[in-house]
Amino acid sequence: INVNDLGFFIGPILNSGGRLGKSSYATELLSSKNSKIIKQRSKQLLTLNIKRRKIENIIINDLDFEKMYKKKENVIIYYNPNISEGLLGIIAARLKDLFNKPAIVITNSKNLLKSSARSIYNYNIGRTIKKLLDNNIILNGGGHNMAAGFTLKKENLNLLKKFINEDF
């Protein structure tokens, strides 16, 4: 087992439970001494990881890339009310990589919107989140120069888009 195995094979499998509402599975797998539980959780996490990848691919394949390219925005801001909160970061990272631009993915969460952002080296998304907080555009949030997350009211979505693209 090497670093790549941990980061790109085992890590995503362990994380898949948390991304799809079964966060206790990885903890139970890693802390149990019961071989039956270890086998059961391993199989369940493998299945969840396959499901996570399928959902991720469906979301990516449903994107209108031509429309996104035509907008020529400095920051990709994608709102889909049906994305699982656990997948926001993965989708944001995929968009960032595909467009080589900062990407923010937003979904509904009860009566609010939740987001995850991934950035590129020349744009500090963490600093932008701080500015959004200072301007009362978002309710809470945090992060660092390459990744962040925040919560906002739905009525502030257009204000957020305008502010971020002007800030960039």
Protein backbone atom coordinates (compact mmCIF):
# COMPACT_ATOMS: atom_id res chain seq x y z
CA ILE A 1 0.00 0.00 0.00
CA ASN A 2 1.38 3.39 -0.95
CA VAL A 3 0.23 7.01 -0.67
CA ASN A 4 -1.65 6.86 -3.97
CA ASP A 5 -3.53 3.74 -2.84
CA LEU A 6 -4.61 5.53 0.34
CA GLY A 7 -5.51 8.80 -1.34
CA PHE A 8 -7.15 7.60 -4.52
CA PHE A 9 -8.49 4.14 -3.73
CA ILE A 10 -9.00 3.47 -0.03
CA GLY A 11 -9.78 7.06 1.04
CA PRO A 12 -12.71 7.54 -1.36
CA ILE A 13 -14.18 4.19 -0.33
CA LEU A 14 -14.03 5.12 3.36
CA ASN A 15 -15.45 8.58 2.60
CA SER A 16 -18.33 7.26 0.50
CA GLY A 17 -20.38 6.37 3.57
CA GLY A 18 -20.27 9.91 4.90
CA ARG A 19 -21.08 11.36 1.50
CA LEU A 20 -24.21 9.23 1.23
CA GLY A 21 -25.56 9.41 4.77
CA LYS A 22 -23.80 6.42 6.34
CA SER A 23 -20.91 8.14 8.09
CA SER A 24 -20.67 5.54 10.86
CA TYR A 25 -19.71 2.75 8.43
CA ALA A 26 -16.04 3.74 8.11
CA THR A 27 -15.68 4.24 11.85
CA GLU A 28 -17.23 0.86 12.54
CA LEU A 29 -15.02 -0.80 9.92
CA LEU A 30 -11.80 0.72 11.25
CA SER A 31 -12.55 0.27 14.94
CA SER A 32 -14.15 -3.18 15.00
CA LYS A 33 -12.42 -6.41 15.90
CA ASN A 34 -15.45 -8.44 14.81
CA SER A 35 -14.67 -10.03 11.42
CA LYS A 36 -18.38 -10.21 10.52
CA ILE A 37 -18.80 -6.43 10.99
CA ILE A 38 -15.53 -5.76 9.13
CA LYS A 39 -16.69 -7.80 6.12
CA GLN A 40 -20.19 -6.32 6.20
CA ARG A 41 -19.02 -2.70 6.40
CA SER A 42 -16.33 -3.28 3.77
CA LYS A 43 -18.91 -4.62 1.31
CA GLN A 44 -21.35 -1.81 2.15
CA LEU A 45 -18.68 0.87 1.67
CA LEU A 46 -17.59 -0.62 -1.65
CA THR A 47 -21.22 -0.59 -2.79
CA LEU A 48 -21.70 3.00 -1.57
CA ASN A 49 -18.56 4.11 -3.39
CA ILE A 50 -19.88 2.63 -6.65
CA LYS A 51 -23.19 4.42 -6.03
CA ARG A 52 -21.34 7.68 -5.26
CA ARG A 53 -19.39 7.47 -8.50
CA LYS A 54 -22.57 6.77 -10.50
CA ILE A 55 -24.37 9.75 -8.93
CA GLU A 56 -21.33 11.96 -9.53
CA ASN A 57 -21.19 10.92 -13.18
CA ILE A 58 -24.92 11.52 -13.65
CA ILE A 59 -24.54 15.04 -12.24
CA ILE A 60 -21.50 15.79 -14.41
CA ASN A 61 -23.16 14.35 -17.53
CA ASP A 62 -26.28 16.46 -16.93
CA LEU A 63 -24.29 19.70 -16.91
CA ASP A 64 -24.68 22.02 -19.86
CA PHE A 65 -20.97 22.59 -20.52
CA GLU A 66 -21.61 24.63 -23.66
CA LYS A 67 -23.75 27.06 -21.68
CA MET A 68 -21.09 27.28 -18.96
CA TYR A 69 -18.36 28.03 -21.53
CA LYS A 70 -20.50 30.68 -23.23
CA LYS A 71 -21.09 32.56 -19.96
CA LYS A 72 -17.35 33.28 -19.80
CA GLU A 73 -17.58 33.88 -16.05
CA ASN A 74 -14.40 33.99 -14.00
CA VAL A 75 -15.89 31.70 -11.36
CA ILE A 76 -18.16 28.75 -12.10
CA ILE A 77 -21.19 28.92 -9.82
CA TYR A 78 -23.50 25.95 -10.24
CA TYR A 79 -26.77 25.67 -8.33
CA ASN A 80 -28.70 22.42 -8.31
CA PRO A 81 -31.27 21.95 -5.53
CA ASN A 82 -31.07 18.16 -5.77
CA ILE A 83 -27.37 17.45 -5.20
CA SER A 84 -26.57 15.61 -1.98
CA GLU A 85 -24.58 17.85 0.38
CA GLY A 86 -21.95 15.13 0.62
CA LEU A 87 -21.18 15.41 -3.09
CA LEU A 88 -20.80 19.20 -3.33
CA GLY A 89 -17.03 19.21 -2.87
CA ILE A 90 -16.45 16.43 -5.37
CA ILE A 91 -18.53 18.17 -8.04
CA ALA A 92 -16.84 21.52 -7.32
CA ALA A 93 -13.42 19.88 -7.69
CA ARG A 94 -14.43 18.27 -10.98
CA LEU A 95 -15.71 21.60 -12.35
CA LYS A 96 -12.57 23.40 -11.21
CA ASP A 97 -10.44 20.82 -13.00
CA LEU A 98 -12.56 20.83 -16.17
CA PHE A 99 -12.67 24.63 -16.54
CA ASN A 100 -9.42 25.57 -14.73
CA LYS A 101 -11.48 28.16 -12.84
CA PRO A 102 -12.70 28.43 -9.26
CA ALA A 103 -15.95 26.51 -8.87
CA ILE A 104 -18.75 26.74 -6.34
CA VAL A 105 -21.52 24.14 -6.19
CA ILE A 106 -24.67 24.99 -4.26
CA THR A 107 -27.67 22.91 -3.18
CA ASN A 108 -30.77 23.20 -1.02
CA SER A 109 -30.48 22.33 2.64
CA LYS A 110 -33.78 22.69 4.46
CA ASN A 111 -34.64 26.42 4.12
CA LEU A 112 -31.11 27.50 3.20
CA LEU A 113 -28.50 26.89 0.54
CA LYS A 114 -25.23 25.09 1.27
CA SER A 115 -22.13 25.16 -0.85
CA SER A 116 -18.67 23.86 -1.41
CA ALA A 117 -15.99 25.74 -3.32
CA ARG A 118 -12.70 24.74 -4.88
CA SER A 119 -10.24 27.24 -6.23
CA ILE A 120 -7.17 27.68 -8.36
CA TYR A 121 -3.79 28.98 -7.25
CA ASN A 122 -4.32 32.62 -8.21
CA TYR A 123 -7.62 33.09 -6.34
CA ASN A 124 -7.94 32.77 -2.56
CA ILE A 125 -11.46 31.46 -2.04
CA GLY A 126 -11.05 31.53 1.75
CA ARG A 127 -10.47 35.30 1.66
CA THR A 128 -13.51 35.68 -0.57
CA ILE A 129 -15.66 33.81 1.97
CA LYS A 130 -14.45 36.25 4.64
CA LYS A 131 -15.48 39.19 2.41
CA LEU A 132 -18.90 37.59 1.83
CA LEU A 133 -19.35 37.27 5.59
CA ASP A 134 -18.25 40.87 6.18
CA ASN A 135 -20.80 42.04 3.60
CA ASN A 136 -23.61 39.91 5.10
CA ILE A 137 -24.15 38.05 1.84
CA ILE A 138 -23.66 34.64 3.48
CA LEU A 139 -24.74 33.45 6.91
CA ASN A 140 -21.61 31.51 7.79
CA GLY A 141 -18.68 29.85 6.15
CA GLY A 142 -14.99 29.31 6.14
CA GLY A 143 -12.09 27.76 4.35
CA HIS A 144 -8.63 28.39 3.05
CA ASN A 145 -7.11 29.56 -0.22
CA MET A 146 -8.04 26.40 -2.18
CA ALA A 147 -11.29 25.15 -0.62
CA ALA A 148 -14.21 26.56 1.34
CA GLY A 149 -17.85 26.16 2.15
CA PHE A 150 -20.68 28.41 3.24
CA THR A 151 -24.39 28.72 3.91
CA LEU A 152 -26.64 31.46 2.56
CA LYS A 153 -30.25 32.44 2.16
CA LYS A 154 -31.75 31.57 -1.21
CA GLU A 155 -32.67 35.19 -1.87
CA ASN A 156 -28.95 36.11 -1.75
CA LEU A 157 -27.92 33.73 -4.54
CA ASN A 158 -27.82 36.37 -7.31
CA LEU A 159 -26.06 38.84 -5.01
CA LEU A 160 -23.48 36.14 -4.25
CA LYS A 161 -22.89 35.46 -7.96
CA LYS A 162 -22.45 39.17 -8.72
CA PHE A 163 -20.13 39.76 -5.76
CA ILE A 164 -17.87 36.79 -6.49
CA ASN A 165 -17.46 37.50 -10.20
CA GLU A 166 -16.68 41.15 -9.44
CA ASP A 167 -14.28 40.13 -6.67
CA PHE A 168 -12.36 37.83 -9.00
